Amino acid sequence: GHLTHGHPLNFSGSLYNIVSYQVSPKTYQIDYDELREIAVREKPR
């Protein structure tokens, strides 16, 4: 990701409530099923 996508030292992380998604430990690529699970659980705006 990028600093402006939610890093705590950046405006994005200090002004907004950030939850993060990661890549799969197996493929090192985005796991869209896991991304969906996080989104459904956290319900970001």
ModelCIF file with pLDDT and N, C-alpha, C, O atoms, coordinates in Angstrom:
data_MODEL
#
_entry.id   MODEL 
#
_entity.id                         1 
_entity.type                       polymer 
_entity.pdbx_number_of_molecules   1 
#
_entity_poly.entity_id                      1 
_entity_poly.type                           'polypeptide(L)' 
_entity_poly.nstd_linkage                   no 
_entity_poly.nstd_monomer                   no 
_entity_poly.pdbx_seq_one_letter_code       GHLTHGHPLNFSGSLYNIVSYQVSPKTYQIDYDELREIAVREKPR 
_entity_poly.pdbx_seq_one_letter_code_can   GHLTHGHPLNFSGSLYNIVSYQVSPKTYQIDYDELREIAVREKPR 
_entity_poly.pdbx_strand_id                 A 
#
loop_
_entity_poly_seq.entity_id 
_entity_poly_seq.num 
_entity_poly_seq.mon_id 
_entity_poly_seq.hetero 
1 1  GLY n 
1 2  HIS n 
1 3  LEU n 
1 4  THR n 
1 5  HIS n 
1 6  GLY n 
1 7  HIS n 
1 8  PRO n 
1 9  LEU n 
1 10 ASN n 
1 11 PHE n 
1 12 SER n 
1 13 GLY n 
1 14 SER n 
1 15 LEU n 
1 16 TYR n 
1 17 ASN n 
1 18 ILE n 
1 19 VAL n 
1 20 SER n 
1 21 TYR n 
1 22 GLN n 
1 23 VAL n 
1 24 SER n 
1 25 PRO n 
1 26 LYS n 
1 27 THR n 
1 28 TYR n 
1 29 GLN n 
1 30 ILE n 
1 31 ASP n 
1 32 TYR n 
1 33 ASP n 
1 34 GLU n 
1 35 LEU n 
1 36 ARG n 
1 37 GLU n 
1 38 ILE n 
1 39 ALA n 
1 40 VAL n 
1 41 ARG n 
1 42 GLU n 
1 43 LYS n 
1 44 PRO n 
1 45 ARG n 
#
_struct_asym.id          A 
_struct_asym.entity_id   1 
#
loop_
_ma_qa_metric.id 
_ma_qa_metric.mode 
_ma_qa_metric.name 
_ma_qa_metric.software_group_id 
_ma_qa_metric.type 
1 global pLDDT . pLDDT 
2 local  pLDDT . pLDDT 
#
_ma_qa_metric_global.metric_id      1 
_ma_qa_metric_global.metric_value   97.24 
_ma_qa_metric_global.model_id       1 
_ma_qa_metric_global.ordinal_id     1 
#
loop_
_ma_qa_metric_local.label_asym_id 
_ma_qa_metric_local.label_comp_id 
_ma_qa_metric_local.label_seq_id 
_ma_qa_metric_local.metric_id 
_ma_qa_metric_local.metric_value 
_ma_qa_metric_local.model_id 
_ma_qa_metric_local.ordinal_id 
A GLY 1  2 96.00 1 1  
A HIS 2  2 97.00 1 2  
A LEU 3  2 95.00 1 3  
A THR 4  2 97.00 1 4  
A HIS 5  2 97.00 1 5  
A GLY 6  2 96.00 1 6  
A HIS 7  2 95.00 1 7  
A PRO 8  2 95.00 1 8  
A LEU 9  2 95.00 1 9  
A ASN 10 2 96.00 1 10 
A PHE 11 2 97.00 1 11 
A SER 12 2 97.00 1 12 
A GLY 13 2 97.00 1 13 
A SER 14 2 97.00 1 14 
A LEU 15 2 98.00 1 15 
A TYR 16 2 98.00 1 16 
A ASN 17 2 98.00 1 17 
A ILE 18 2 98.00 1 18 
A VAL 19 2 98.00 1 19 
A SER 20 2 97.00 1 20 
A TYR 21 2 98.00 1 21 
A GLN 22 2 97.00 1 22 
A VAL 23 2 98.00 1 23 
A SER 24 2 98.00 1 24 
A PRO 25 2 97.00 1 25 
A LYS 26 2 96.00 1 26 
A THR 27 2 97.00 1 27 
A TYR 28 2 97.00 1 28 
A GLN 29 2 98.00 1 29 
A ILE 30 2 98.00 1 30 
A ASP 31 2 97.00 1 31 
A TYR 32 2 98.00 1 32 
A ASP 33 2 97.00 1 33 
A GLU 34 2 98.00 1 34 
A LEU 35 2 98.00 1 35 
A ARG 36 2 98.00 1 36 
A GLU 37 2 98.00 1 37 
A ILE 38 2 98.00 1 38 
A ALA 39 2 98.00 1 39 
A VAL 40 2 98.00 1 40 
A ARG 41 2 98.00 1 41 
A GLU 42 2 98.00 1 42 
A LYS 43 2 98.00 1 43 
A PRO 44 2 98.00 1 44 
A ARG 45 2 98.00 1 45 
#
loop_
_atom_site.group_PDB 
_atom_site.id 
_atom_site.type_symbol 
_atom_site.label_atom_id 
_atom_site.label_alt_id 
_atom_site.label_comp_id 
_atom_site.label_asym_id 
_atom_site.label_entity_id 
_atom_site.label_seq_id 
_atom_site.pdbx_PDB_ins_code 
_atom_site.Cartn_x 
_atom_site.Cartn_y 
_atom_site.Cartn_z 
_atom_site.occupancy 
_atom_site.B_iso_or_equiv 
_atom_site.pdbx_formal_charge 
_atom_site.auth_seq_id 
_atom_site.auth_comp_id 
_atom_site.auth_asym_id 
_atom_site.auth_atom_id 
_atom_site.pdbx_PDB_model_num 
ATOM 1   N N  . GLY A 1 1  ? 0.802   -1.221  0.000  1.00 96.00 ? 1  GLY A N  1 
ATOM 2   C CA . GLY A 1 1  ? 0.000   0.000   0.000  1.00 96.00 ? 1  GLY A CA 1 
ATOM 3   C C  . GLY A 1 1  ? 0.832   1.267   0.000  1.00 96.00 ? 1  GLY A C  1 
ATOM 4   O O  . GLY A 1 1  ? 2.024   1.240   -0.309 1.00 96.00 ? 1  GLY A O  1 
ATOM 5   N N  . HIS A 1 2  ? 0.204   2.370   0.346  1.00 97.00 ? 2  HIS A N  1 
ATOM 6   C CA . HIS A 1 2  ? 0.892   3.663   0.341  1.00 97.00 ? 2  HIS A CA 1 
ATOM 7   C C  . HIS A 1 2  ? 0.631   4.373   1.667  1.00 97.00 ? 2  HIS A C  1 
ATOM 8   O O  . HIS A 1 2  ? -0.353  4.086   2.347  1.00 97.00 ? 2  HIS A O  1 
ATOM 9   N N  . LEU A 1 3  ? 1.509   5.291   2.025  1.00 95.00 ? 3  LEU A N  1 
ATOM 10  C CA . LEU A 1 3  ? 1.344   6.065   3.259  1.00 95.00 ? 3  LEU A CA 1 
ATOM 11  C C  . LEU A 1 3  ? -0.040  6.668   3.372  1.00 95.00 ? 3  LEU A C  1 
ATOM 12  O O  . LEU A 1 3  ? -0.635  6.676   4.450  1.00 95.00 ? 3  LEU A O  1 
ATOM 13  N N  . THR A 1 4  ? -0.555  7.176   2.258  1.00 97.00 ? 4  THR A N  1 
ATOM 14  C CA . THR A 1 4  ? -1.842  7.867   2.263  1.00 97.00 ? 4  THR A CA 1 
ATOM 15  C C  . THR A 1 4  ? -3.030  6.918   2.234  1.00 97.00 ? 4  THR A C  1 
ATOM 16  O O  . THR A 1 4  ? -4.172  7.357   2.092  1.00 97.00 ? 4  THR A O  1 
ATOM 17  N N  . HIS A 1 5  ? -2.772  5.627   2.367  1.00 97.00 ? 5  HIS A N  1 
ATOM 18  C CA . HIS A 1 5  ? -3.863  4.648   2.410  1.00 97.00 ? 5  HIS A CA 1 
ATOM 19  C C  . HIS A 1 5  ? -4.143  4.200   3.838  1.00 97.00 ? 5  HIS A C  1 
ATOM 20  O O  . HIS A 1 5  ? -4.835  3.208   4.064  1.00 97.00 ? 5  HIS A O  1 
ATOM 21  N N  . GLY A 1 6  ? -3.589  4.952   4.813  1.00 96.00 ? 6  GLY A N  1 
ATOM 22  C CA . GLY A 1 6  ? -3.947  4.663   6.183  1.00 96.00 ? 6  GLY A CA 1 
ATOM 23  C C  . GLY A 1 6  ? -2.829  4.528   7.177  1.00 96.00 ? 6  GLY A C  1 
ATOM 24  O O  . GLY A 1 6  ? -3.065  4.104   8.308  1.00 96.00 ? 6  GLY A O  1 
ATOM 25  N N  . HIS A 1 7  ? -1.601  4.878   6.792  1.00 95.00 ? 7  HIS A N  1 
ATOM 26  C CA . HIS A 1 7  ? -0.498  4.759   7.749  1.00 95.00 ? 7  HIS A CA 1 
ATOM 27  C C  . HIS A 1 7  ? -0.742  5.704   8.927  1.00 95.00 ? 7  HIS A C  1 
ATOM 28  O O  . HIS A 1 7  ? -1.145  6.849   8.724  1.00 95.00 ? 7  HIS A O  1 
ATOM 29  N N  . PRO A 1 8  ? -0.503  5.234   10.159 1.00 95.00 ? 8  PRO A N  1 
ATOM 30  C CA . PRO A 1 8  ? -0.819  6.050   11.344 1.00 95.00 ? 8  PRO A CA 1 
ATOM 31  C C  . PRO A 1 8  ? -0.077  7.373   11.436 1.00 95.00 ? 8  PRO A C  1 
ATOM 32  O O  . PRO A 1 8  ? -0.559  8.291   12.098 1.00 95.00 ? 8  PRO A O  1 
ATOM 33  N N  . LEU A 1 9  ? 1.078   7.502   10.795 1.00 95.00 ? 9  LEU A N  1 
ATOM 34  C CA . LEU A 1 9  ? 1.823   8.753   10.840 1.00 95.00 ? 9  LEU A CA 1 
ATOM 35  C C  . LEU A 1 9  ? 1.393   9.737   9.750  1.00 95.00 ? 9  LEU A C  1 
ATOM 36  O O  . LEU A 1 9  ? 1.856   10.878  9.716  1.00 95.00 ? 9  LEU A O  1 
ATOM 37  N N  . ASN A 1 10 ? 0.510   9.288   8.867  1.00 96.00 ? 10 ASN A N  1 
ATOM 38  C CA . ASN A 1 10 ? 0.033   10.107  7.759  1.00 96.00 ? 10 ASN A CA 1 
ATOM 39  C C  . ASN A 1 10 ? -1.328  10.720  8.107  1.00 96.00 ? 10 ASN A C  1 
ATOM 40  O O  . ASN A 1 10 ? -1.988  10.267  9.042  1.00 96.00 ? 10 ASN A O  1 
ATOM 41  N N  . PHE A 1 11 ? -1.750  11.745  7.362  1.00 97.00 ? 11 PHE A N  1 
ATOM 42  C CA . PHE A 1 11 ? -3.065  12.349  7.600  1.00 97.00 ? 11 PHE A CA 1 
ATOM 43  C C  . PHE A 1 11 ? -4.161  11.288  7.558  1.00 97.00 ? 11 PHE A C  1 
ATOM 44  O O  . PHE A 1 11 ? -5.123  11.348  8.324  1.00 97.00 ? 11 PHE A O  1 
ATOM 45  N N  . SER A 1 12 ? -4.008  10.312  6.654  1.00 97.00 ? 12 SER A N  1 
ATOM 46  C CA . SER A 1 12 ? -5.041  9.292   6.473  1.00 97.00 ? 12 SER A CA 1 
ATOM 47  C C  . SER A 1 12 ? -5.230  8.454   7.727  1.00 97.00 ? 12 SER A C  1 
ATOM 48  O O  . SER A 1 12 ? -6.356  8.120   8.098  1.00 97.00 ? 12 SER A O  1 
ATOM 49  N N  . GLY A 1 13 ? -4.119  8.115   8.379  1.00 97.00 ? 13 GLY A N  1 
ATOM 50  C CA . GLY A 1 13 ? -4.200  7.311   9.586  1.00 97.00 ? 13 GLY A CA 1 
ATOM 51  C C  . GLY A 1 13 ? -4.526  8.100   10.833 1.00 97.00 ? 13 GLY A C  1 
ATOM 52  O O  . GLY A 1 13 ? -5.057  7.545   11.795 1.00 97.00 ? 13 GLY A O  1 
ATOM 53  N N  . SER A 1 14 ? -4.216  9.389   10.834 1.00 97.00 ? 14 SER A N  1 
ATOM 54  C CA . SER A 1 14 ? -4.464  10.205  12.024 1.00 97.00 ? 14 SER A CA 1 
ATOM 55  C C  . SER A 1 14 ? -5.855  10.828  12.033 1.00 97.00 ? 14 SER A C  1 
ATOM 56  O O  . SER A 1 14 ? -6.389  11.124  13.102 1.00 97.00 ? 14 SER A O  1 
ATOM 57  N N  . LEU A 1 15 ? -6.447  11.029  10.866 1.00 98.00 ? 15 LEU A N  1 
ATOM 58  C CA . LEU A 1 15 ? -7.767  11.672  10.801 1.00 98.00 ? 15 LEU A CA 1 
ATOM 59  C C  . LEU A 1 15 ? -8.911  10.689  10.587 1.00 98.00 ? 15 LEU A C  1 
ATOM 60  O O  . LEU A 1 15 ? -10.074 11.024  10.814 1.00 98.00 ? 15 LEU A O  1 
ATOM 61  N N  . TYR A 1 16 ? -8.578  9.468   10.147 1.00 98.00 ? 16 TYR A N  1 
ATOM 62  C CA . TYR A 1 16 ? -9.628  8.498   9.829  1.00 98.00 ? 16 TYR A CA 1 
ATOM 63  C C  . TYR A 1 16 ? -9.381  7.196   10.587 1.00 98.00 ? 16 TYR A C  1 
ATOM 64  O O  . TYR A 1 16 ? -8.259  6.906   11.001 1.00 98.00 ? 16 TYR A O  1 
ATOM 65  N N  . ASN A 1 17 ? -10.434 6.427   10.758 1.00 98.00 ? 17 ASN A N  1 
ATOM 66  C CA . ASN A 1 17 ? -10.370 5.141   11.443 1.00 98.00 ? 17 ASN A CA 1 
ATOM 67  C C  . ASN A 1 17 ? -10.018 4.075   10.405 1.00 98.00 ? 17 ASN A C  1 
ATOM 68  O O  . ASN A 1 17 ? -10.862 3.693   9.595  1.00 98.00 ? 17 ASN A O  1 
ATOM 69  N N  . ILE A 1 18 ? -8.780  3.598   10.431 1.00 98.00 ? 18 ILE A N  1 
ATOM 70  C CA . ILE A 1 18 ? -8.270  2.736   9.358  1.00 98.00 ? 18 ILE A CA 1 
ATOM 71  C C  . ILE A 1 18 ? -8.291  1.260   9.738  1.00 98.00 ? 18 ILE A C  1 
ATOM 72  O O  . ILE A 1 18 ? -7.872  0.872   10.829 1.00 98.00 ? 18 ILE A O  1 
ATOM 73  N N  . VAL A 1 19 ? -8.786  0.454   8.812  1.00 98.00 ? 19 VAL A N  1 
ATOM 74  C CA . VAL A 1 19 ? -8.608  -0.993  8.879  1.00 98.00 ? 19 VAL A CA 1 
ATOM 75  C C  . VAL A 1 19 ? -7.871  -1.406  7.612  1.00 98.00 ? 19 VAL A C  1 
ATOM 76  O O  . VAL A 1 19 ? -8.097  -0.834  6.545  1.00 98.00 ? 19 VAL A O  1 
ATOM 77  N N  . SER A 1 20 ? -6.996  -2.392  7.724  1.00 97.00 ? 20 SER A N  1 
ATOM 78  C CA . SER A 1 20 ? -6.142  -2.758  6.595  1.00 97.00 ? 20 SER A CA 1 
ATOM 79  C C  . SER A 1 20 ? -6.455  -4.150  6.067  1.00 97.00 ? 20 SER A C  1 
ATOM 80  O O  . SER A 1 20 ? -6.946  -5.015  6.793  1.00 97.00 ? 20 SER A O  1 
ATOM 81  N N  . TYR A 1 21 ? -6.160  -4.344  4.795  1.00 98.00 ? 21 TYR A N  1 
ATOM 82  C CA . TYR A 1 21 ? -6.168  -5.685  4.216  1.00 98.00 ? 21 TYR A CA 1 
ATOM 83  C C  . TYR A 1 21 ? -4.760  -5.997  3.736  1.00 98.00 ? 21 TYR A C  1 
ATOM 84  O O  . TYR A 1 21 ? -3.976  -5.091  3.454  1.00 98.00 ? 21 TYR A O  1 
ATOM 85  N N  . GLN A 1 22 ? -4.443  -7.284  3.645  1.00 97.00 ? 22 GLN A N  1 
ATOM 86  C CA . GLN A 1 22 ? -3.108  -7.723  3.283  1.00 97.00 ? 22 GLN A CA 1 
ATOM 87  C C  . GLN A 1 22 ? -3.162  -8.698  2.117  1.00 97.00 ? 22 GLN A C  1 
ATOM 88  O O  . GLN A 1 22 ? -4.238  -9.057  1.638  1.00 97.00 ? 22 GLN A O  1 
ATOM 89  N N  . VAL A 1 23 ? -1.982  -9.120  1.669  1.00 98.00 ? 23 VAL A N  1 
ATOM 90  C CA . VAL A 1 23 ? -1.913  -10.140 0.634  1.00 98.00 ? 23 VAL A CA 1 
ATOM 91  C C  . VAL A 1 23 ? -1.914  -11.519 1.284  1.00 98.00 ? 23 VAL A C  1 
ATOM 92  O O  . VAL A 1 23 ? -1.685  -11.653 2.486  1.00 98.00 ? 23 VAL A O  1 
ATOM 93  N N  . SER A 1 24 ? -2.168  -12.521 0.488  1.00 98.00 ? 24 SER A N  1 
ATOM 94  C CA . SER A 1 24 ? -2.179  -13.892 0.983  1.00 98.00 ? 24 SER A CA 1 
ATOM 95  C C  . SER A 1 24 ? -0.764  -14.356 1.312  1.00 98.00 ? 24 SER A C  1 
ATOM 96  O O  . SER A 1 24 ? 0.153   -14.090 0.535  1.00 98.00 ? 24 SER A O  1 
ATOM 97  N N  . PRO A 1 25 ? -0.556  -15.039 2.436  1.00 97.00 ? 25 PRO A N  1 
ATOM 98  C CA . PRO A 1 25 ? 0.777   -15.561 2.761  1.00 97.00 ? 25 PRO A CA 1 
ATOM 99  C C  . PRO A 1 25 ? 1.212   -16.681 1.827  1.00 97.00 ? 25 PRO A C  1 
ATOM 100 O O  . PRO A 1 25 ? 2.389   -17.041 1.803  1.00 97.00 ? 25 PRO A O  1 
ATOM 101 N N  . LYS A 1 26 ? 0.285   -17.235 1.060  1.00 96.00 ? 26 LYS A N  1 
ATOM 102 C CA . LYS A 1 26 ? 0.618   -18.308 0.118  1.00 96.00 ? 26 LYS A CA 1 
ATOM 103 C C  . LYS A 1 26 ? 1.025   -17.765 -1.251 1.00 96.00 ? 26 LYS A C  1 
ATOM 104 O O  . LYS A 1 26 ? 2.019   -18.205 -1.830 1.00 96.00 ? 26 LYS A O  1 
ATOM 105 N N  . THR A 1 27 ? 0.251   -16.806 -1.765 1.00 97.00 ? 27 THR A N  1 
ATOM 106 C CA . THR A 1 27 ? 0.497   -16.297 -3.120 1.00 97.00 ? 27 THR A CA 1 
ATOM 107 C C  . THR A 1 27 ? 1.143   -14.919 -3.141 1.00 97.00 ? 27 THR A C  1 
ATOM 108 O O  . THR A 1 27 ? 1.680   -14.498 -4.165 1.00 97.00 ? 27 THR A O  1 
ATOM 109 N N  . TYR A 1 28 ? 1.093   -14.217 -2.014 1.00 97.00 ? 28 TYR A N  1 
ATOM 110 C CA . TYR A 1 28 ? 1.559   -12.823 -1.931 1.00 97.00 ? 28 TYR A CA 1 
ATOM 111 C C  . TYR A 1 28 ? 0.776   -11.915 -2.880 1.00 97.00 ? 28 TYR A C  1 
ATOM 112 O O  . TYR A 1 28 ? 1.266   -10.873 -3.315 1.00 97.00 ? 28 TYR A O  1 
ATOM 113 N N  . GLN A 1 29 ? -0.442  -12.334 -3.186 1.00 98.00 ? 29 GLN A N  1 
ATOM 114 C CA . GLN A 1 29 ? -1.358  -11.522 -3.977 1.00 98.00 ? 29 GLN A CA 1 
ATOM 115 C C  . GLN A 1 29 ? -2.633  -11.278 -3.164 1.00 98.00 ? 29 GLN A C  1 
ATOM 116 O O  . GLN A 1 29 ? -2.886  -11.954 -2.167 1.00 98.00 ? 29 GLN A O  1 
ATOM 117 N N  . ILE A 1 30 ? -3.429  -10.300 -3.609 1.00 98.00 ? 30 ILE A N  1 
ATOM 118 C CA . ILE A 1 30 ? -4.661  -9.970  -2.893 1.00 98.00 ? 30 ILE A CA 1 
ATOM 119 C C  . ILE A 1 30 ? -5.602  -11.166 -2.900 1.00 98.00 ? 30 ILE A C  1 
ATOM 120 O O  . ILE A 1 30 ? -5.883  -11.739 -3.953 1.00 98.00 ? 30 ILE A O  1 
ATOM 121 N N  . ASP A 1 31 ? -6.087  -11.539 -1.722 1.00 97.00 ? 31 ASP A N  1 
ATOM 122 C CA . ASP A 1 31 ? -7.095  -12.584 -1.576 1.00 97.00 ? 31 ASP A CA 1 
ATOM 123 C C  . ASP A 1 31 ? -8.444  -11.869 -1.462 1.00 97.00 ? 31 ASP A C  1 
ATOM 124 O O  . ASP A 1 31 ? -8.774  -11.323 -0.409 1.00 97.00 ? 31 ASP A O  1 
ATOM 125 N N  . TYR A 1 32 ? -9.225  -11.874 -2.556 1.00 98.00 ? 32 TYR A N  1 
ATOM 126 C CA . TYR A 1 32 ? -10.457 -11.089 -2.582 1.00 98.00 ? 32 TYR A CA 1 
ATOM 127 C C  . TYR A 1 32 ? -11.537 -11.656 -1.667 1.00 98.00 ? 32 TYR A C  1 
ATOM 128 O O  . TYR A 1 32 ? -12.415 -10.919 -1.218 1.00 98.00 ? 32 TYR A O  1 
ATOM 129 N N  . ASP A 1 33 ? -11.482 -12.955 -1.386 1.00 97.00 ? 33 ASP A N  1 
ATOM 130 C CA . ASP A 1 33 ? -12.428 -13.536 -0.436 1.00 97.00 ? 33 ASP A CA 1 
ATOM 131 C C  . ASP A 1 33 ? -12.136 -13.027 0.971  1.00 97.00 ? 33 ASP A C  1 
ATOM 132 O O  . ASP A 1 33 ? -13.057 -12.684 1.712  1.00 97.00 ? 33 ASP A O  1 
ATOM 133 N N  . GLU A 1 34 ? -10.867 -12.978 1.338  1.00 98.00 ? 34 GLU A N  1 
ATOM 134 C CA . GLU A 1 34 ? -10.495 -12.465 2.650  1.00 98.00 ? 34 GLU A CA 1 
ATOM 135 C C  . GLU A 1 34 ? -10.793 -10.969 2.739  1.00 98.00 ? 34 GLU A C  1 
ATOM 136 O O  . GLU A 1 34 ? -11.247 -10.473 3.770  1.00 98.00 ? 34 GLU A O  1 
ATOM 137 N N  . LEU A 1 35 ? -10.528 -10.258 1.640  1.00 98.00 ? 35 LEU A N  1 
ATOM 138 C CA . LEU A 1 35 ? -10.820 -8.824  1.612  1.00 98.00 ? 35 LEU A CA 1 
ATOM 139 C C  . LEU A 1 35 ? -12.312 -8.589  1.874  1.00 98.00 ? 35 LEU A C  1 
ATOM 140 O O  . LEU A 1 35 ? -12.687 -7.693  2.630  1.00 98.00 ? 35 LEU A O  1 
ATOM 141 N N  . ARG A 1 36 ? -13.152 -9.407  1.237  1.00 98.00 ? 36 ARG A N  1 
ATOM 142 C CA . ARG A 1 36 ? -14.593 -9.279  1.436  1.00 98.00 ? 36 ARG A CA 1 
ATOM 143 C C  . ARG A 1 36 ? -14.968 -9.562  2.885  1.00 98.00 ? 36 ARG A C  1 
ATOM 144 O O  . ARG A 1 36 ? -15.795 -8.855  3.460  1.00 98.00 ? 36 ARG A O  1 
ATOM 145 N N  . GLU A 1 37 ? -14.367 -10.590 3.478  1.00 98.00 ? 37 GLU A N  1 
ATOM 146 C CA . GLU A 1 37 ? -14.675 -10.944 4.870  1.00 98.00 ? 37 GLU A CA 1 
ATOM 147 C C  . GLU A 1 37 ? -14.366 -9.775  5.811  1.00 98.00 ? 37 GLU A C  1 
ATOM 148 O O  . GLU A 1 37 ? -15.149 -9.461  6.708  1.00 98.00 ? 37 GLU A O  1 
ATOM 149 N N  . ILE A 1 38 ? -13.224 -9.144  5.593  1.00 98.00 ? 38 ILE A N  1 
ATOM 150 C CA . ILE A 1 38 ? -12.847 -8.000  6.430  1.00 98.00 ? 38 ILE A CA 1 
ATOM 151 C C  . ILE A 1 38 ? -13.832 -6.854  6.226  1.00 98.00 ? 38 ILE A C  1 
ATOM 152 O O  . ILE A 1 38 ? -14.269 -6.217  7.184  1.00 98.00 ? 38 ILE A O  1 
ATOM 153 N N  . ALA A 1 39 ? -14.174 -6.602  4.967  1.00 98.00 ? 39 ALA A N  1 
ATOM 154 C CA . ALA A 1 39 ? -15.082 -5.494  4.651  1.00 98.00 ? 39 ALA A CA 1 
ATOM 155 C C  . ALA A 1 39 ? -16.464 -5.712  5.263  1.00 98.00 ? 39 ALA A C  1 
ATOM 156 O O  . ALA A 1 39 ? -17.051 -4.788  5.826  1.00 98.00 ? 39 ALA A O  1 
ATOM 157 N N  . VAL A 1 40 ? -16.977 -6.928  5.152  1.00 98.00 ? 40 VAL A N  1 
ATOM 158 C CA . VAL A 1 40 ? -18.300 -7.241  5.703  1.00 98.00 ? 40 VAL A CA 1 
ATOM 159 C C  . VAL A 1 40 ? -18.274 -7.112  7.218  1.00 98.00 ? 40 VAL A C  1 
ATOM 160 O O  . VAL A 1 40 ? -19.237 -6.631  7.815  1.00 98.00 ? 40 VAL A O  1 
ATOM 161 N N  . ARG A 1 41 ? -17.188 -7.534  7.843  1.00 98.00 ? 41 ARG A N  1 
ATOM 162 C CA . ARG A 1 41 ? -17.074 -7.454  9.300  1.00 98.00 ? 41 ARG A CA 1 
ATOM 163 C C  . ARG A 1 41 ? -16.907 -6.015  9.786  1.00 98.00 ? 41 ARG A C  1 
ATOM 164 O O  . ARG A 1 41 ? -17.542 -5.609  10.760 1.00 98.00 ? 41 ARG A O  1 
ATOM 165 N N  . GLU A 1 42 ? -16.049 -5.242  9.104  1.00 98.00 ? 42 GLU A N  1 
ATOM 166 C CA . GLU A 1 42 ? -15.695 -3.896  9.567  1.00 98.00 ? 42 GLU A CA 1 
ATOM 167 C C  . GLU A 1 42 ? -16.613 -2.801  9.036  1.00 98.00 ? 42 GLU A C  1 
ATOM 168 O O  . GLU A 1 42 ? -16.758 -1.747  9.654  1.00 98.00 ? 42 GLU A O  1 
ATOM 169 N N  . LYS A 1 43 ? -17.229 -3.060  7.887  1.00 98.00 ? 43 LYS A N  1 
ATOM 170 C CA . LYS A 1 43 ? -18.145 -2.096  7.253  1.00 98.00 ? 43 LYS A CA 1 
ATOM 171 C C  . LYS A 1 43 ? -17.549 -0.687  7.138  1.00 98.00 ? 43 LYS A C  1 
ATOM 172 O O  . LYS A 1 43 ? -18.091 0.258   7.712  1.00 98.00 ? 43 LYS A O  1 
ATOM 173 N N  . PRO A 1 44 ? -16.438 -0.539  6.402  1.00 98.00 ? 44 PRO A N  1 
ATOM 174 C CA . PRO A 1 44 ? -15.856 0.794   6.192  1.00 98.00 ? 44 PRO A CA 1 
ATOM 175 C C  . PRO A 1 44 ? -16.743 1.648   5.297  1.00 98.00 ? 44 PRO A C  1 
ATOM 176 O O  . PRO A 1 44 ? -17.520 1.122   4.500  1.00 98.00 ? 44 PRO A O  1 
ATOM 177 N N  . ARG A 1 45 ? -16.625 2.968   5.431  1.00 98.00 ? 45 ARG A N  1 
ATOM 178 C CA . ARG A 1 45 ? -17.365 3.876   4.551  1.00 98.00 ? 45 ARG A CA 1 
ATOM 179 C C  . ARG A 1 45 ? -16.711 3.967   3.182  1.00 98.00 ? 45 ARG A C  1 
ATOM 180 O O  . ARG A 1 45 ? -17.199 4.687   2.311  1.00 98.00 ? 45 ARG A O  1 
#
